[in-house]
C-alpha atoms as a PDB file:
ATOM      1  CA  UNK A   1     193.043  52.867 233.271  1.00  0.00           C
ATOM      2  CA  UNK A   2     195.597  51.262 235.608  1.00  0.00           C
ATOM      3  CA  UNK A   3     195.643  53.178 238.922  1.00  0.00           C
ATOM      4  CA  UNK A   4     198.277  50.958 240.518  1.00  0.00           C
ATOM      5  CA  UNK A   5     201.158  52.961 242.108  1.00  0.00           C
ATOM      6  CA  UNK A   6     204.542  52.542 240.408  1.00  0.00           C
ATOM      7  CA  UNK A   7     206.309  50.805 243.303  1.00  0.00           C
ATOM      8  CA  UNK A   8     207.204  47.617 241.474  1.00  0.00           C
ATOM      9  CA  UNK A   9     206.123  44.345 243.063  1.00  0.00           C
ATOM     10  CA  UNK A  10     205.229  44.633 246.754  1.00  0.00           C
ATOM     11  CA  UNK A  11     205.130  41.796 249.268  1.00  0.00           C
ATOM     12  CA  UNK A  12     203.663  41.985 252.760  1.00  0.00           C
ATOM     13  CA  UNK A  13     204.776  40.066 255.822  1.00  0.00           C
ATOM     14  CA  UNK A  14     202.203  39.934 258.626  1.00  0.00           C
ATOM     15  CA  UNK A  15     203.770  38.656 261.875  1.00  0.00           C
ATOM     16  CA  UNK A  16     201.011  37.208 264.078  1.00  0.00           C
ATOM     17  CA  UNK A  17     202.824  34.553 266.091  1.00  0.00           C
ATOM     18  CA  UNK A  18     202.713  36.290 269.475  1.00  0.00           C
ATOM     19  CA  UNK A  19     201.304  34.541 272.533  1.00  0.00           C
ATOM     20  CA  UNK A  20     199.502  37.633 273.829  1.00  0.00           C
ATOM     21  CA  UNK A  21     200.225  37.030 277.512  1.00  0.00           C
ATOM     22  CA  UNK A  22     199.147  40.528 278.551  1.00  0.00           C
ATOM     23  CA  UNK A  23     195.764  39.940 276.958  1.00  0.00           C
ATOM     24  CA  UNK A  24     195.011  36.862 279.058  1.00  0.00           C
ATOM     25  CA  UNK A  25     192.538  34.162 278.087  1.00  0.00           C
ATOM     26  CA  UNK A  26     192.951  31.002 276.071  1.00  0.00           C
ATOM     27  CA  UNK A  27     192.516  32.523 272.588  1.00  0.00           C
ATOM     28  CA  UNK A  28     195.529  34.322 271.050  1.00  0.00           C
ATOM     29  CA  UNK A  29     194.723  37.997 270.540  1.00  0.00           C
ATOM     30  CA  UNK A  30     195.034  37.813 266.740  1.00  0.00           C
ATOM     31  CA  UNK A  31     192.074  35.396 266.698  1.00  0.00           C
ATOM     32  CA  UNK A  32     189.817  37.322 269.082  1.00  0.00           C
ATOM     33  CA  UNK A  33     186.623  38.795 267.675  1.00  0.00           C
ATOM     34  CA  UNK A  34     186.562  42.480 266.767  1.00  0.00           C
ATOM     35  CA  UNK A  35     183.305  43.773 265.366  1.00  0.00           C
ATOM     36  CA  UNK A  36     182.241  40.316 264.225  1.00  0.00           C
ATOM     37  CA  UNK A  37     185.553  39.361 262.597  1.00  0.00           C
ATOM     38  CA  UNK A  38     188.851  38.084 263.906  1.00  0.00           C
ATOM     39  CA  UNK A  39     191.451  40.789 264.567  1.00  0.00           C
ATOM     40  CA  UNK A  40     193.804  39.208 262.039  1.00  0.00           C
ATOM     41  CA  UNK A  41     191.065  39.059 259.413  1.00  0.00           C
ATOM     42  CA  UNK A  42     190.400  42.777 259.800  1.00  0.00           C
ATOM     43  CA  UNK A  43     194.103  43.505 259.382  1.00  0.00           C
ATOM     44  CA  UNK A  44     194.420  41.326 256.280  1.00  0.00           C
ATOM     45  CA  UNK A  45     191.366  42.926 254.688  1.00  0.00           C
ATOM     46  CA  UNK A  46     193.173  46.276 254.384  1.00  0.00           C
ATOM     47  CA  UNK A  47     196.104  44.705 252.537  1.00  0.00           C
ATOM     48  CA  UNK A  48     193.813  42.596 250.363  1.00  0.00           C
ATOM     49  CA  UNK A  49     192.065  45.654 248.911  1.00  0.00           C
ATOM     50  CA  UNK A  50     195.176  47.842 248.598  1.00  0.00           C
ATOM     51  CA  UNK A  51     196.082  48.095 244.912  1.00  0.00           C
ATOM     52  CA  UNK A  52     199.814  48.360 245.666  1.00  0.00           C
ATOM     53  CA  UNK A  53     200.028  44.967 247.403  1.00  0.00           C
ATOM     54  CA  UNK A  54     200.780  41.849 245.348  1.00  0.00           C
ATOM     55  CA  UNK A  55     201.648  39.124 247.851  1.00  0.00           C
ATOM     56  CA  UNK A  56     200.876  38.517 251.522  1.00  0.00           C
ATOM     57  CA  UNK A  57     202.644  36.071 253.836  1.00  0.00           C
ATOM     58  CA  UNK A  58     201.067  35.429 257.229  1.00  0.00           C
ATOM     59  CA  UNK A  59     203.367  34.232 260.016  1.00  0.00           C
ATOM     60  CA  UNK A  60     201.762  32.461 262.977  1.00  0.00           C
ATOM     61  CA  UNK A  61     202.734  29.896 265.596  1.00  0.00           C
ATOM     62  CA  UNK A  62     203.383  26.480 264.064  1.00  0.00           C
ATOM     63  CA  UNK A  63     200.334  24.893 265.672  1.00  0.00           C
ATOM     64  CA  UNK A  64     198.072  27.634 264.260  1.00  0.00           C
ATOM     65  CA  UNK A  65     199.037  27.360 260.560  1.00  0.00           C
ATOM     66  CA  UNK A  66     196.310  24.931 259.515  1.00  0.00           C
ATOM     67  CA  UNK A  67     193.480  26.615 261.409  1.00  0.00           C
ATOM     68  CA  UNK A  68     194.563  30.095 260.244  1.00  0.00           C
ATOM     69  CA  UNK A  69     194.548  28.929 256.639  1.00  0.00           C
ATOM     70  CA  UNK A  70     191.033  27.510 256.887  1.00  0.00           C
ATOM     71  CA  UNK A  71     189.274  29.853 259.329  1.00  0.00           C
ATOM     72  CA  UNK A  72     190.852  33.136 258.178  1.00  0.00           C
ATOM     73  CA  UNK A  73     192.377  32.935 254.697  1.00  0.00           C
ATOM     74  CA  UNK A  74     189.914  30.549 253.045  1.00  0.00           C
ATOM     75  CA  UNK A  75     186.837  31.638 254.982  1.00  0.00           C
ATOM     76  CA  UNK A  76     187.210  35.305 253.989  1.00  0.00           C
ATOM     77  CA  UNK A  77     188.653  34.644 250.543  1.00  0.00           C
ATOM     78  CA  UNK A  78     191.961  36.470 250.883  1.00  0.00           C
ATOM     79  CA  UNK A  79     193.352  35.782 247.414  1.00  0.00           C
ATOM     80  CA  UNK A  80     196.612  37.692 247.883  1.00  0.00           C
ATOM     81  CA  UNK A  81     197.740  35.477 250.756  1.00  0.00           C
ATOM     82  CA  UNK A  82     200.390  33.191 249.268  1.00  0.00           C
ATOM     83  CA  UNK A  83     200.904  31.159 252.396  1.00  0.00           C
ATOM     84  CA  UNK A  84     200.559  30.823 256.154  1.00  0.00           C
ATOM     85  CA  UNK A  85     203.894  29.842 257.655  1.00  0.00           C
ATOM     86  CA  UNK A  86     205.330  29.047 261.080  1.00  0.00           C
ATOM     87  CA  UNK A  87     207.161  31.814 262.900  1.00  0.00           C
ATOM     88  CA  UNK A  88     209.988  31.738 265.416  1.00  0.00           C
ATOM     89  CA  UNK A  89     210.356  32.511 269.101  1.00  0.00           C
ATOM     90  CA  UNK A  90     210.883  36.253 268.474  1.00  0.00           C
ATOM     91  CA  UNK A  91     209.409  38.818 266.098  1.00  0.00           C
ATOM     92  CA  UNK A  92     212.763  39.100 264.336  1.00  0.00           C
ATOM     93  CA  UNK A  93     212.842  35.356 263.686  1.00  0.00           C
ATOM     94  CA  UNK A  94     209.221  35.370 262.514  1.00  0.00           C
ATOM     95  CA  UNK A  95     209.758  38.185 260.010  1.00  0.00           C
ATOM     96  CA  UNK A  96     212.911  36.454 258.792  1.00  0.00           C
ATOM     97  CA  UNK A  97     210.894  33.294 258.132  1.00  0.00           C
ATOM     98  CA  UNK A  98     208.479  35.375 256.083  1.00  0.00           C
ATOM     99  CA  UNK A  99     211.345  37.012 254.226  1.00  0.00           C
ATOM    100  CA  UNK A 100     212.587  33.594 253.106  1.00  0.00           C
ATOM    101  CA  UNK A 101     209.353  33.156 251.123  1.00  0.00           C
ATOM    102  CA  UNK A 102     209.840  36.373 249.133  1.00  0.00           C
ATOM    103  CA  UNK A 103     211.386  36.006 245.686  1.00  0.00           C
ATOM    104  CA  UNK A 104     213.878  38.305 243.984  1.00  0.00           C
ATOM    105  CA  UNK A 105     211.187  39.819 241.738  1.00  0.00           C
ATOM    106  CA  UNK A 106     209.788  41.730 244.749  1.00  0.00           C
ATOM    107  CA  UNK A 107     210.956  45.348 244.976  1.00  0.00           C
ATOM    108  CA  UNK A 108     209.408  46.521 248.247  1.00  0.00           C
ATOM    109  CA  UNK A 109     208.506  44.685 251.446  1.00  0.00           C
ATOM    110  CA  UNK A 110     206.072  45.995 254.010  1.00  0.00           C
ATOM    111  CA  UNK A 111     205.853  44.510 257.497  1.00  0.00           C
ATOM    112  CA  UNK A 112     202.718  45.076 259.580  1.00  0.00           C
ATOM    113  CA  UNK A 113     201.581  43.734 262.934  1.00  0.00           C
ATOM    114  CA  UNK A 114     198.742  41.247 262.615  1.00  0.00           C
ATOM    115  CA  UNK A 115     197.114  42.781 265.689  1.00  0.00           C
ATOM    116  CA  UNK A 116     197.095  46.369 264.383  1.00  0.00           C
ATOM    117  CA  UNK A 117     193.718  46.211 262.585  1.00  0.00           C
ATOM    118  CA  UNK A 118     192.859  49.918 262.290  1.00  0.00           C
ATOM    119  CA  UNK A 119     195.570  50.680 259.742  1.00  0.00           C
ATOM    120  CA  UNK A 120     194.232  52.498 256.698  1.00  0.00           C
ATOM    121  CA  UNK A 121     195.053  52.055 253.040  1.00  0.00           C
ATOM    122  CA  UNK A 122     196.073  55.733 252.943  1.00  0.00           C
ATOM    123  CA  UNK A 123     198.739  55.245 255.617  1.00  0.00           C
ATOM    124  CA  UNK A 124     199.926  52.092 253.882  1.00  0.00           C
ATOM    125  CA  UNK A 125     200.262  53.870 250.524  1.00  0.00           C
ATOM    126  CA  UNK A 126     202.096  56.808 252.131  1.00  0.00           C
ATOM    127  CA  UNK A 127     204.574  54.472 253.810  1.00  0.00           C
ATOM    128  CA  UNK A 128     205.221  52.579 250.595  1.00  0.00           C
ATOM    129  CA  UNK A 129     205.750  55.828 248.689  1.00  0.00           C
ATOM    130  CA  UNK A 130     208.393  56.988 251.159  1.00  0.00           C
ATOM    131  CA  UNK A 131     210.121  53.592 251.151  1.00  0.00           C
ATOM    132  CA  UNK A 132     210.188  53.611 247.359  1.00  0.00           C
ATOM    133  CA  UNK A 133     211.760  57.056 247.414  1.00  0.00           C
ATOM    134  CA  UNK A 134     214.196  56.683 250.324  1.00  0.00           C
ATOM    135  CA  UNK A 135     214.656  52.964 250.949  1.00  0.00           C
ATOM    136  CA  UNK A 136     213.092  52.721 254.406  1.00  0.00           C
ATOM    137  CA  UNK A 137     209.995  54.274 255.983  1.00  0.00           C
ATOM    138  CA  UNK A 138     207.964  53.688 259.137  1.00  0.00           C
ATOM    139  CA  UNK A 139     204.669  54.926 260.530  1.00  0.00           C
ATOM    140  CA  UNK A 140     204.986  56.802 263.825  1.00  0.00           C
ATOM    141  CA  UNK A 141     203.309  59.418 266.012  1.00  0.00           C
ATOM    142  CA  UNK A 142     205.034  62.208 267.984  1.00  0.00           C
ATOM    143  CA  UNK A 143     205.084  61.868 271.761  1.00  0.00           C
ATOM    144  CA  UNK A 144     202.618  64.121 273.577  1.00  0.00           C
ATOM    145  CA  UNK A 145     202.998  63.048 277.212  1.00  0.00           C
ATOM    146  CA  UNK A 146     205.685  64.295 279.589  1.00  0.00           C
ATOM    147  CA  UNK A 147     208.410  61.691 280.086  1.00  0.00           C
ATOM    148  CA  UNK A 148     210.105  60.934 283.421  1.00  0.00           C
ATOM    149  CA  UNK A 149     213.166  58.803 284.088  1.00  0.00           C
ATOM    150  CA  UNK A 150     212.454  56.799 287.233  1.00  0.00           C
ATOM    151  CA  UNK A 151     214.850  55.075 289.636  1.00  0.00           C
ATOM    152  CA  UNK A 152     214.641  51.436 290.738  1.00  0.00           C
ATOM    153  CA  UNK A 153     213.114  52.713 293.972  1.00  0.00           C
ATOM    154  CA  UNK A 154     210.238  54.307 292.054  1.00  0.00           C
ATOM    155  CA  UNK A 155     211.210  57.963 292.388  1.00  0.00           C
ATOM    156  CA  UNK A 156     211.590  60.479 289.578  1.00  0.00           C
ATOM    157  CA  UNK A 157     215.192  61.165 288.615  1.00  0.00           C
ATOM    158  CA  UNK A 158     214.639  63.584 285.757  1.00  0.00           C
ATOM    159  CA  UNK A 159     212.232  64.874 283.133  1.00  0.00           C
ATOM    160  CA  UNK A 160     213.194  63.675 279.671  1.00  0.00           C
ATOM    161  CA  UNK A 161     212.726  66.187 276.826  1.00  0.00           C
ATOM    162  CA  UNK A 162     210.101  64.850 274.431  1.00  0.00           C
ATOM    163  CA  UNK A 163     211.072  66.994 271.456  1.00  0.00           C
ATOM    164  CA  UNK A 164     211.953  64.878 268.424  1.00  0.00           C
ATOM    165  CA  UNK A 165     210.708  61.692 270.116  1.00  0.00           C
ATOM    166  CA  UNK A 166     208.196  59.515 268.257  1.00  0.00           C
ATOM    167  CA  UNK A 167     206.283  56.325 269.069  1.00  0.00           C
ATOM    168  CA  UNK A 168     206.900  53.814 266.316  1.00  0.00           C
ATOM    169  CA  UNK A 169     204.099  51.764 264.753  1.00  0.00           C
ATOM    170  CA  UNK A 170     203.651  49.678 261.647  1.00  0.00           C
ATOM    171  CA  UNK A 171     203.437  49.548 258.648  1.00  0.00           C
ATOM    172  CA  UNK A 172     207.180  49.605 258.058  1.00  0.00           C
ATOM    173  CA  UNK A 173     208.312  49.384 254.441  1.00  0.00           C
ATOM    174  CA  UNK A 174     211.718  48.789 252.876  1.00  0.00           C
ATOM    175  CA  UNK A 175     213.465  48.067 249.639  1.00  0.00           C
ATOM    176  CA  UNK A 176     213.796  44.312 249.476  1.00  0.00           C
ATOM    177  CA  UNK A 177     217.582  44.186 249.055  1.00  0.00           C
ATOM    178  CA  UNK A 178     218.155  46.613 251.944  1.00  0.00           C
ATOM    179  CA  UNK A 179     215.958  44.680 254.349  1.00  0.00           C
ATOM    180  CA  UNK A 180     217.612  41.396 253.476  1.00  0.00           C
ATOM    181  CA  UNK A 181     221.055  42.936 253.992  1.00  0.00           C
ATOM    182  CA  UNK A 182     219.970  44.326 257.360  1.00  0.00           C
ATOM    183  CA  UNK A 183     218.801  40.904 258.530  1.00  0.00           C
ATOM    184  CA  UNK A 184     221.979  39.205 257.355  1.00  0.00           C
ATOM    185  CA  UNK A 185     224.051  41.801 259.229  1.00  0.00           C
ATOM    186  CA  UNK A 186     221.978  41.216 262.368  1.00  0.00           C
ATOM    187  CA  UNK A 187     222.515  37.463 262.279  1.00  0.00           C
ATOM    188  CA  UNK A 188     226.274  37.882 261.760  1.00  0.00           C
ATOM    189  CA  UNK A 189     226.560  40.354 264.629  1.00  0.00           C
ATOM    190  CA  UNK A 190     224.124  38.628 266.966  1.00  0.00           C
ATOM    191  CA  UNK A 191     221.837  41.672 267.024  1.00  0.00           C
ATOM    192  CA  UNK A 192     218.235  41.562 268.211  1.00  0.00           C
ATOM    193  CA  UNK A 193     215.842  44.426 267.480  1.00  0.00           C
ATOM    194  CA  UNK A 194     212.204  44.952 268.375  1.00  0.00           C
ATOM    195  CA  UNK A 195     211.361  46.136 264.864  1.00  0.00           C
ATOM    196  CA  UNK A 196     212.787  46.077 261.359  1.00  0.00           C
ATOM    197  CA  UNK A 197     213.707  49.760 261.470  1.00  0.00           C
ATOM    198  CA  UNK A 198     216.173  48.941 264.238  1.00  0.00           C
ATOM    199  CA  UNK A 199     217.952  46.520 261.921  1.00  0.00           C
ATOM    200  CA  UNK A 200     218.107  49.170 259.197  1.00  0.00           C
ATOM    201  CA  UNK A 201     219.629  51.637 261.644  1.00  0.00           C
ATOM    202  CA  UNK A 202     222.334  49.073 262.453  1.00  0.00           C
ATOM    203  CA  UNK A 203     223.566  49.128 258.847  1.00  0.00           C
ATOM    204  CA  UNK A 204     223.463  52.917 258.686  1.00  0.00           C
ATOM    205  CA  UNK A 205     220.374  53.191 256.495  1.00  0.00           C
ATOM    206  CA  UNK A 206     218.307  56.352 257.145  1.00  0.00           C
ATOM    207  CA  UNK A 207     214.715  55.534 258.105  1.00  0.00           C
ATOM    208  CA  UNK A 208     212.077  58.106 257.162  1.00  0.00           C
ATOM    209  CA  UNK A 209     209.063  58.859 259.357  1.00  0.00           C
ATOM    210  CA  UNK A 210     205.506  58.811 258.006  1.00  0.00           C
ATOM    211  CA  UNK A 211     203.171  60.664 260.406  1.00  0.00           C
ATOM    212  CA  UNK A 212     200.502  58.275 261.628  1.00  0.00           C
ATOM    213  CA  UNK A 213     197.512  58.568 263.978  1.00  0.00           C
ATOM    214  CA  UNK A 214     196.652  57.417 267.507  1.00  0.00           C
ATOM    215  CA  UNK A 215     193.907  55.033 266.344  1.00  0.00           C
ATOM    216  CA  UNK A 216     196.477  52.784 264.679  1.00  0.00           C
ATOM    217  CA  UNK A 217     196.868  50.851 267.922  1.00  0.00           C
ATOM    218  CA  UNK A 218     198.492  47.483 268.467  1.00  0.00           C
ATOM    219  CA  UNK A 219     196.086  45.305 270.434  1.00  0.00           C
ATOM    220  CA  UNK A 220     198.045  44.185 273.477  1.00  0.00           C
ATOM    221  CA  UNK A 221     195.650  44.461 276.431  1.00  0.00           C
ATOM    222  CA  UNK A 222     191.868  44.099 276.884  1.00  0.00           C
ATOM    223  CA  UNK A 223     191.608  47.909 276.973  1.00  0.00           C
ATOM    224  CA  UNK A 224     193.065  48.079 273.464  1.00  0.00           C
ATOM    225  CA  UNK A 225     190.396  45.695 272.216  1.00  0.00           C
ATOM    226  CA  UNK A 226     187.662  47.792 273.844  1.00  0.00           C
ATOM    227  CA  UNK A 227     189.098  50.922 272.217  1.00  0.00           C
ATOM    228  CA  UNK A 228     189.028  49.305 268.786  1.00  0.00           C
ATOM    229  CA  UNK A 229     185.479  48.039 269.291  1.00  0.00           C
ATOM    230  CA  UNK A 230     184.349  51.541 270.277  1.00  0.00           C
ATOM    231  CA  UNK A 231     186.127  53.117 267.321  1.00  0.00           C
ATOM    232  CA  UNK A 232     184.538  50.694 264.855  1.00  0.00           C
ATOM    233  CA  UNK A 233     181.061  51.353 266.277  1.00  0.00           C
ATOM    234  CA  UNK A 234     181.506  55.100 266.052  1.00  0.00           C
ATOM    235  CA  UNK A 235     182.853  54.884 262.511  1.00  0.00           C
ATOM    236  CA  UNK A 236     179.903  52.711 261.486  1.00  0.00           C
END
């Protein structure tokens, strides 16, 4: 019996073109080892096994395309990866380059950070389900810490209410036509956003929240890598 969700055809764009300056070191963070596999390989593995995903496009720096294809895609046998392509100077440009590879037969597009390897198939399926229903959905967690607005001199100006504030993560999923329209609007207006949801907001499209979990971290600093290593050991 076919257990595939009824989302239509789903394409994934994995932006992994960042330089990782806060990580330090000569190796880009997406190619660092995490539990015996590259961070990017661990991320791709979740999308490879997810029954809802049909196509995967990996976006890396131009000089990394060949090595990523051989050392990640071919080495681990990721059959859903349709191509490794060169990204741009910003995340928005990189995702746009990935979007150009997606054909009109695709119904939903999910974007996920290449350096967010602890995503689960459950969270991915939940995000896709909400995007299929509403048009746009993003994973996020509610803020728990107290927020302070601080002056340039380093003193507290005010406490910011944290009610209804969420920290946004990926995956972020959208109807294909809506996402393409949001990007085209952004280019016409000269808009730059730090995530795709920001582009959807700019065209007035409601974005629905999918509650996520703290472990779905984006590896940015050495501490993040240590956290992920510890989590994987404990889970094993």
